Amino acid sequence: MSNSRVTQLGYLGIEVSNLPDWEEYATTIIGLEPTAIRGESTLLLRLDENHHRIALHTGVRDDLTSVGWEAYDESALRAIADRLESQGFDVVWGTDADARQRCVMGMITTHDPDGVRTEVFYGPLVQADRPFRSPRSIGGFVAGKMGLGHIVLNVANRDTSMRFYRDGLGLRVSDFIELDMGDAGATTAVFLHCGPRHHSIAVVQVPSPKRLHHVMFELRNLDDIGSTYDLCHDQGVPITSTLGCHTNDKMVSFYMQTPSGFQIEYGHGGLLIDDNTWEVQLHQAPSIWGHRAPTAPIPHASV
């Protein structure tokens, strides 16, 4: 099944209630590059040589609307489609117009057990003649063949979701983390990968009004994490979790709130997985250090 599985997290579709606020936030805080505007309701953003990785659509949900997963080629796409159908998932083949809209060669559409529109595609538009240029002075993102980063989803049933992503799309389990959710009780998150990045998706069984908990963007330079941490304080962007290091992927990161209420993890130095040697692990804490709820603004020293 090595070639009949998805290879990376390709793109996200997100419905947002305030597109101008999101454009300002995505460019001046995250550092994404606007690549196209479709009418007055859609903004496309890039973070590497792919035409776009994020599509923001005007709407009321302020949540994830679609997830795009890349496959090796058309043959792999057909194998994934056959496997999903054999497991009882409805699969619709995209038209040429659908593919052009997504800037890919071909695609299929299905839905995960929680109703998230899931697209699998091959042949993304890569603009090697147009290097990525962030509106900010940062060293760039770890993306390309690693994919755009990772997402964490709040799901109704962890095991059902895991079967869809593992057995349907072909991702592989990286590890598990036991989490204390306070009043919501205890739960165990499962982390899955489809390439060398430690995980491209994690699913957590927890009641939530939003399907999307967070999106992670990985930066090439550690200094960009620190400077953006300061920038959030300076610009009044709420930090939801302080700087810290995760137990499983060893990412040094912090979390900030988006204009839509879900979070962005801004990180550096994530662990890479070699499937020939990797062993699945269980962790009982999400972080080695840090990642605490902020209690007070960080004071600025005078010199």
Protein backbone atom coordinates (compact mmCIF):
# COMPACT_ATOMS: atom_id res chain seq x y z
CA MET A 1 0.00 0.00 0.00
CA SER A 2 3.05 2.26 -0.05
CA ASN A 3 2.00 4.22 -3.14
CA SER A 4 -1.77 3.98 -2.63
CA ARG A 5 -1.88 6.41 0.25
CA VAL A 6 -1.80 10.17 0.69
CA THR A 7 1.64 11.75 0.84
CA GLN A 8 1.08 15.12 2.50
CA LEU A 9 -1.44 17.61 3.84
CA GLY A 10 -1.93 19.75 0.76
CA TYR A 11 -4.36 22.58 1.46
CA LEU A 12 -7.17 23.81 3.70
CA GLY A 13 -10.45 25.56 3.04
CA ILE A 14 -11.66 27.75 5.92
CA GLU A 15 -14.88 29.75 6.20
CA VAL A 16 -14.33 33.09 7.97
CA SER A 17 -16.78 35.79 9.01
CA ASN A 18 -14.35 38.70 8.59
CA LEU A 19 -12.15 38.34 5.53
CA PRO A 20 -10.37 41.75 5.85
CA ASP A 21 -9.34 40.97 9.43
CA TRP A 22 -8.10 37.56 8.33
CA GLU A 23 -6.07 39.00 5.45
CA GLU A 24 -4.35 41.40 7.86
CA TYR A 25 -3.71 38.64 10.40
CA ALA A 26 -2.51 36.05 7.85
CA THR A 27 -0.05 38.42 6.20
CA THR A 28 1.29 40.62 9.01
CA ILE A 29 1.32 38.05 11.84
CA ILE A 30 1.62 34.58 10.29
CA GLY A 31 3.57 35.80 7.26
CA LEU A 32 1.55 34.11 4.50
CA GLU A 33 1.64 35.53 0.98
CA PRO A 34 -1.63 36.46 -0.79
CA THR A 35 -1.61 34.78 -4.17
CA ALA A 36 -5.09 35.40 -5.60
CA ILE A 37 -8.43 37.00 -4.79
CA ARG A 38 -11.53 35.43 -6.30
CA GLY A 39 -14.30 37.97 -6.29
CA GLU A 40 -15.05 39.57 -2.93
CA SER A 41 -15.43 36.33 -1.01
CA THR A 42 -12.27 34.20 -1.43
CA LEU A 43 -8.62 34.84 -0.59
CA LEU A 44 -5.88 32.34 -1.48
CA LEU A 45 -2.66 32.25 0.54
CA ARG A 46 0.67 30.52 -0.04
CA LEU A 47 3.65 29.61 2.13
CA ASP A 48 5.89 27.85 -0.39
CA GLU A 49 6.04 27.32 -4.17
CA ASN A 50 2.59 25.71 -4.36
CA HIS A 51 -0.01 28.04 -5.89
CA HIS A 52 -1.83 28.15 -2.56
CA ARG A 53 -2.12 26.24 0.68
CA ILE A 54 -4.98 28.11 2.38
CA ALA A 55 -8.29 29.23 0.86
CA LEU A 56 -10.32 31.64 2.99
CA HIS A 57 -14.00 31.89 2.08
CA THR A 58 -16.45 34.42 3.48
CA GLY A 59 -19.14 32.78 5.62
CA VAL A 60 -20.53 32.43 9.12
CA ARG A 61 -18.94 29.19 10.30
CA ASP A 62 -15.45 30.44 11.26
CA ASP A 63 -14.26 26.87 10.95
CA LEU A 64 -12.70 24.31 8.65
CA THR A 65 -14.71 23.52 5.51
CA SER A 66 -12.39 21.28 3.50
CA VAL A 67 -9.06 19.45 3.70
CA GLY A 68 -6.96 18.54 0.66
CA TRP A 69 -4.60 15.54 0.77
CA GLU A 70 -2.05 14.90 -1.98
CA ALA A 71 -1.57 11.51 -3.66
CA TYR A 72 1.43 10.36 -5.72
CA ASP A 73 -0.32 10.26 -9.09
CA GLU A 74 -3.56 9.32 -10.86
CA SER A 75 -3.04 5.60 -10.23
CA ALA A 76 -2.63 6.21 -6.50
CA LEU A 77 -5.70 8.44 -6.50
CA ARG A 78 -7.79 5.66 -8.07
CA ALA A 79 -6.51 3.14 -5.53
CA ILE A 80 -7.43 5.46 -2.65
CA ALA A 81 -10.88 6.05 -4.17
CA ASP A 82 -11.46 2.28 -4.52
CA ARG A 83 -10.41 1.67 -0.92
CA LEU A 84 -12.66 4.42 0.45
CA GLU A 85 -15.62 3.08 -1.51
CA SER A 86 -14.95 -0.45 -0.27
CA GLN A 87 -15.17 0.92 3.27
CA GLY A 88 -18.57 2.49 2.62
CA PHE A 89 -17.57 6.11 1.96
CA ASP A 90 -19.20 7.94 -0.93
CA VAL A 91 -16.60 9.15 -3.43
CA VAL A 92 -17.24 11.74 -6.13
CA TRP A 93 -14.75 12.36 -8.91
CA GLY A 94 -14.06 16.03 -9.51
CA THR A 95 -14.69 17.57 -12.91
CA ASP A 96 -12.05 19.39 -14.93
CA ALA A 97 -13.56 22.64 -13.65
CA ASP A 98 -13.25 21.41 -10.05
CA ALA A 99 -9.60 20.56 -10.63
CA ARG A 100 -8.86 23.95 -12.20
CA GLN A 101 -10.47 25.71 -9.25
CA ARG A 102 -8.23 23.76 -6.84
CA CYS A 103 -5.18 24.22 -9.14
CA VAL A 104 -4.58 20.45 -9.42
CA MET A 105 -4.62 17.84 -12.19
CA GLY A 106 -7.30 15.58 -10.73
CA MET A 107 -9.24 15.04 -7.51
CA ILE A 108 -11.89 13.13 -5.64
CA THR A 109 -14.18 14.27 -2.83
CA THR A 110 -15.55 12.40 0.17
CA HIS A 111 -16.41 13.25 3.79
CA ASP A 112 -14.81 12.07 7.01
CA PRO A 113 -17.02 10.58 9.78
CA ASP A 114 -17.67 14.08 11.20
CA GLY A 115 -18.72 15.48 7.84
CA VAL A 116 -15.52 17.36 7.01
CA ARG A 117 -15.22 17.63 3.23
CA THR A 118 -12.10 15.63 2.33
CA GLU A 119 -10.45 16.05 -1.06
CA VAL A 120 -7.67 13.84 -2.40
CA PHE A 121 -5.78 15.16 -5.41
CA TYR A 122 -2.68 14.70 -7.52
CA GLY A 123 -0.60 17.12 -9.57
CA PRO A 124 -0.71 20.41 -7.62
CA LEU A 125 0.27 23.61 -9.42
CA VAL A 126 3.84 24.37 -8.32
CA GLN A 127 5.18 27.80 -9.28
CA ALA A 128 8.93 27.27 -9.18
CA ASP A 129 9.28 30.40 -11.31
CA ARG A 130 7.67 32.45 -8.57
CA PRO A 131 9.51 31.95 -5.26
CA PHE A 132 7.54 32.41 -2.06
CA ARG A 133 7.90 35.92 -0.63
CA SER A 134 6.51 36.53 2.81
CA PRO A 135 5.18 40.00 3.61
CA ARG A 136 7.23 39.67 6.81
CA SER A 137 10.98 39.44 7.29
CA ILE A 138 11.07 35.73 8.17
CA GLY A 139 13.20 32.84 6.94
CA GLY A 140 10.27 30.93 5.49
CA PHE A 141 8.24 27.85 6.29
CA VAL A 142 9.10 24.14 6.39
CA ALA A 143 6.71 22.93 3.70
CA GLY A 144 7.24 21.62 0.14
CA LYS A 145 7.17 17.82 0.19
CA MET A 146 6.49 17.97 3.95
CA GLY A 147 3.09 19.52 3.33
CA LEU A 148 1.68 22.73 4.74
CA GLY A 149 2.01 21.66 8.40
CA HIS A 150 -0.53 19.83 10.54
CA ILE A 151 -4.10 20.13 11.78
CA VAL A 152 -5.77 18.91 14.96
CA LEU A 153 -9.48 18.08 14.75
CA ASN A 154 -12.09 17.77 17.48
CA VAL A 155 -14.07 14.63 16.61
CA ALA A 156 -17.12 12.75 17.91
CA ASN A 157 -15.44 9.33 17.92
CA ARG A 158 -11.67 8.95 17.89
CA ASP A 159 -11.63 5.31 16.74
CA THR A 160 -14.03 5.92 13.85
CA SER A 161 -11.99 8.92 12.71
CA MET A 162 -8.74 6.99 13.06
CA ARG A 163 -10.06 4.23 10.81
CA PHE A 164 -10.98 6.78 8.13
CA TYR A 165 -7.59 8.49 8.13
CA ARG A 166 -5.49 5.38 8.74
CA ASP A 167 -7.35 2.69 6.80
CA GLY A 168 -9.01 4.91 4.21
CA LEU A 169 -6.45 7.58 3.34
CA GLY A 170 -3.46 5.47 4.38
CA LEU A 171 -1.90 7.62 7.10
CA ARG A 172 0.12 5.83 9.78
CA VAL A 173 -0.12 6.18 13.54
CA SER A 174 2.79 8.10 15.08
CA ASP A 175 1.81 7.98 18.75
CA PHE A 176 -0.82 8.73 21.37
CA ILE A 177 -1.10 11.31 24.15
CA GLU A 178 -3.37 10.95 27.18
CA LEU A 179 -4.97 14.33 27.90
CA ASP A 180 -6.74 15.69 30.96
CA MET A 181 -9.56 17.85 29.57
CA GLY A 182 -10.77 19.14 32.95
CA ASP A 183 -14.57 19.14 33.10
CA ALA A 184 -14.69 17.26 29.78
CA GLY A 185 -12.81 14.34 31.39
CA ALA A 186 -9.82 12.41 30.07
CA THR A 187 -9.24 11.47 26.45
CA THR A 188 -6.46 10.06 24.29
CA ALA A 189 -5.39 11.91 21.15
CA VAL A 190 -4.02 9.97 18.19
CA PHE A 191 -1.37 11.49 15.89
CA LEU A 192 -0.94 10.27 12.31
CA HIS A 193 1.64 10.92 9.59
CA CYS A 194 1.87 10.43 5.84
CA GLY A 195 5.48 11.48 5.29
CA PRO A 196 8.52 12.37 7.37
CA ARG A 197 6.72 15.09 9.34
CA HIS A 198 5.86 13.66 12.78
CA HIS A 199 2.15 14.19 12.18
CA SER A 200 0.00 15.82 9.55
CA ILE A 201 -3.20 15.34 11.53
CA ALA A 202 -4.25 14.53 15.08
CA VAL A 203 -7.78 13.69 16.20
CA VAL A 204 -9.12 14.28 19.71
CA GLN A 205 -12.49 13.02 20.94
CA VAL A 206 -13.81 16.04 22.77
CA PRO A 207 -17.07 18.03 22.54
CA SER A 208 -16.47 21.34 20.81
CA PRO A 209 -18.45 23.84 18.73
CA LYS A 210 -15.55 23.94 16.26
CA ARG A 211 -14.19 21.03 14.25
CA LEU A 212 -10.75 22.67 13.89
CA HIS A 213 -8.70 23.01 17.07
CA HIS A 214 -5.54 24.37 15.43
CA VAL A 215 -3.33 24.58 12.38
CA MET A 216 0.44 24.28 12.80
CA PHE A 217 2.90 26.20 10.63
CA GLU A 218 6.57 25.25 11.02
CA LEU A 219 9.22 27.94 10.59
CA ARG A 220 12.76 27.37 9.36
CA ASN A 221 14.33 29.66 11.98
CA LEU A 222 13.85 29.56 15.74
CA ASP A 223 14.32 33.32 15.92
CA ASP A 224 11.13 33.74 13.88
CA ILE A 225 9.20 32.02 16.67
CA GLY A 226 10.55 34.45 19.25
CA SER A 227 10.04 37.54 17.12
CA THR A 228 6.47 36.52 16.29
CA TYR A 229 5.79 35.84 19.97
CA ASP A 230 6.82 39.42 20.70
CA LEU A 231 4.83 40.68 17.71
CA CYS A 232 1.66 39.06 19.07
CA HIS A 233 2.15 40.90 22.37
CA ASP A 234 2.84 44.17 20.57
CA GLN A 235 -0.16 43.86 18.24
CA GLY A 236 -2.61 42.52 20.84
CA VAL A 237 -2.99 39.08 19.27
CA PRO A 238 -4.15 36.74 22.07
CA ILE A 239 -1.58 34.08 22.96
CA THR A 240 -3.46 30.99 24.12
CA SER A 241 -0.42 28.89 25.08
CA THR A 242 3.06 30.15 25.96
CA LEU A 243 6.32 28.96 24.44
CA GLY A 244 6.93 25.28 25.09
CA CYS A 245 8.26 21.98 23.73
CA HIS A 246 5.96 19.04 22.96
CA THR A 247 6.67 15.53 24.26
CA ASN A 248 5.93 13.66 21.04
CA ASP A 249 7.15 15.76 18.08
CA LYS A 250 9.63 17.89 20.10
CA MET A 251 8.29 21.03 18.42
CA VAL A 252 9.21 24.30 20.12
CA SER A 253 6.17 26.48 19.64
CA PHE A 254 3.47 28.75 20.98
CA TYR A 255 -0.23 29.06 20.20
CA MET A 256 -2.16 32.17 19.21
CA GLN A 257 -5.83 32.81 18.59
CA THR A 258 -7.11 33.54 15.10
CA PRO A 259 -9.87 36.02 14.21
CA SER A 260 -12.14 32.95 13.89
CA GLY A 261 -11.49 31.63 17.39
CA PHE A 262 -9.50 28.49 16.61
CA GLN A 263 -5.75 28.50 17.14
CA ILE A 264 -2.52 28.66 15.17
CA GLU A 265 0.54 26.79 16.44
CA TYR A 266 3.71 28.58 15.35
CA GLY A 267 6.65 26.21 15.72
CA HIS A 268 10.19 25.16 14.87
CA GLY A 269 12.29 22.00 14.94
CA GLY A 270 9.66 19.27 14.63
CA LEU A 271 10.74 15.62 14.80
CA LEU A 272 11.01 13.62 11.56
CA ILE A 273 9.84 10.01 11.25
CA ASP A 274 11.57 7.13 9.46
CA ASP A 275 8.94 4.43 8.98
CA ASN A 276 11.66 1.77 8.83
CA THR A 277 12.64 2.40 12.45
CA TRP A 278 9.76 4.30 14.07
CA GLU A 279 8.00 2.72 17.06
CA VAL A 280 4.59 3.95 18.22
CA GLN A 281 4.66 5.53 21.68
CA LEU A 282 2.22 6.63 24.40
CA HIS A 283 2.73 9.90 26.28
CA GLN A 284 0.92 11.10 29.39
CA ALA A 285 1.71 14.79 29.01
CA PRO A 286 1.53 17.01 25.92
CA SER A 287 4.63 19.07 26.71
CA ILE A 288 8.09 18.65 28.23
CA TRP A 289 8.06 22.29 29.31
CA GLY A 290 5.96 25.39 28.73
CA HIS A 291 2.75 25.56 26.70
CA ARG A 292 0.99 27.10 29.68
CA ALA A 293 -2.01 29.38 29.72
CA PRO A 294 -0.71 32.95 29.87
CA THR A 295 -1.43 34.66 33.17
CA ALA A 296 -0.10 38.15 32.58
CA PRO A 297 1.49 40.23 29.81
CA ILE A 298 5.24 39.81 29.43
CA PRO A 299 6.90 43.02 30.68
CA HIS A 300 9.18 44.95 28.33
CA ALA A 301 12.52 45.77 29.88
CA SER A 302 13.89 49.28 29.42
CA VAL A 303 17.54 49.92 28.67
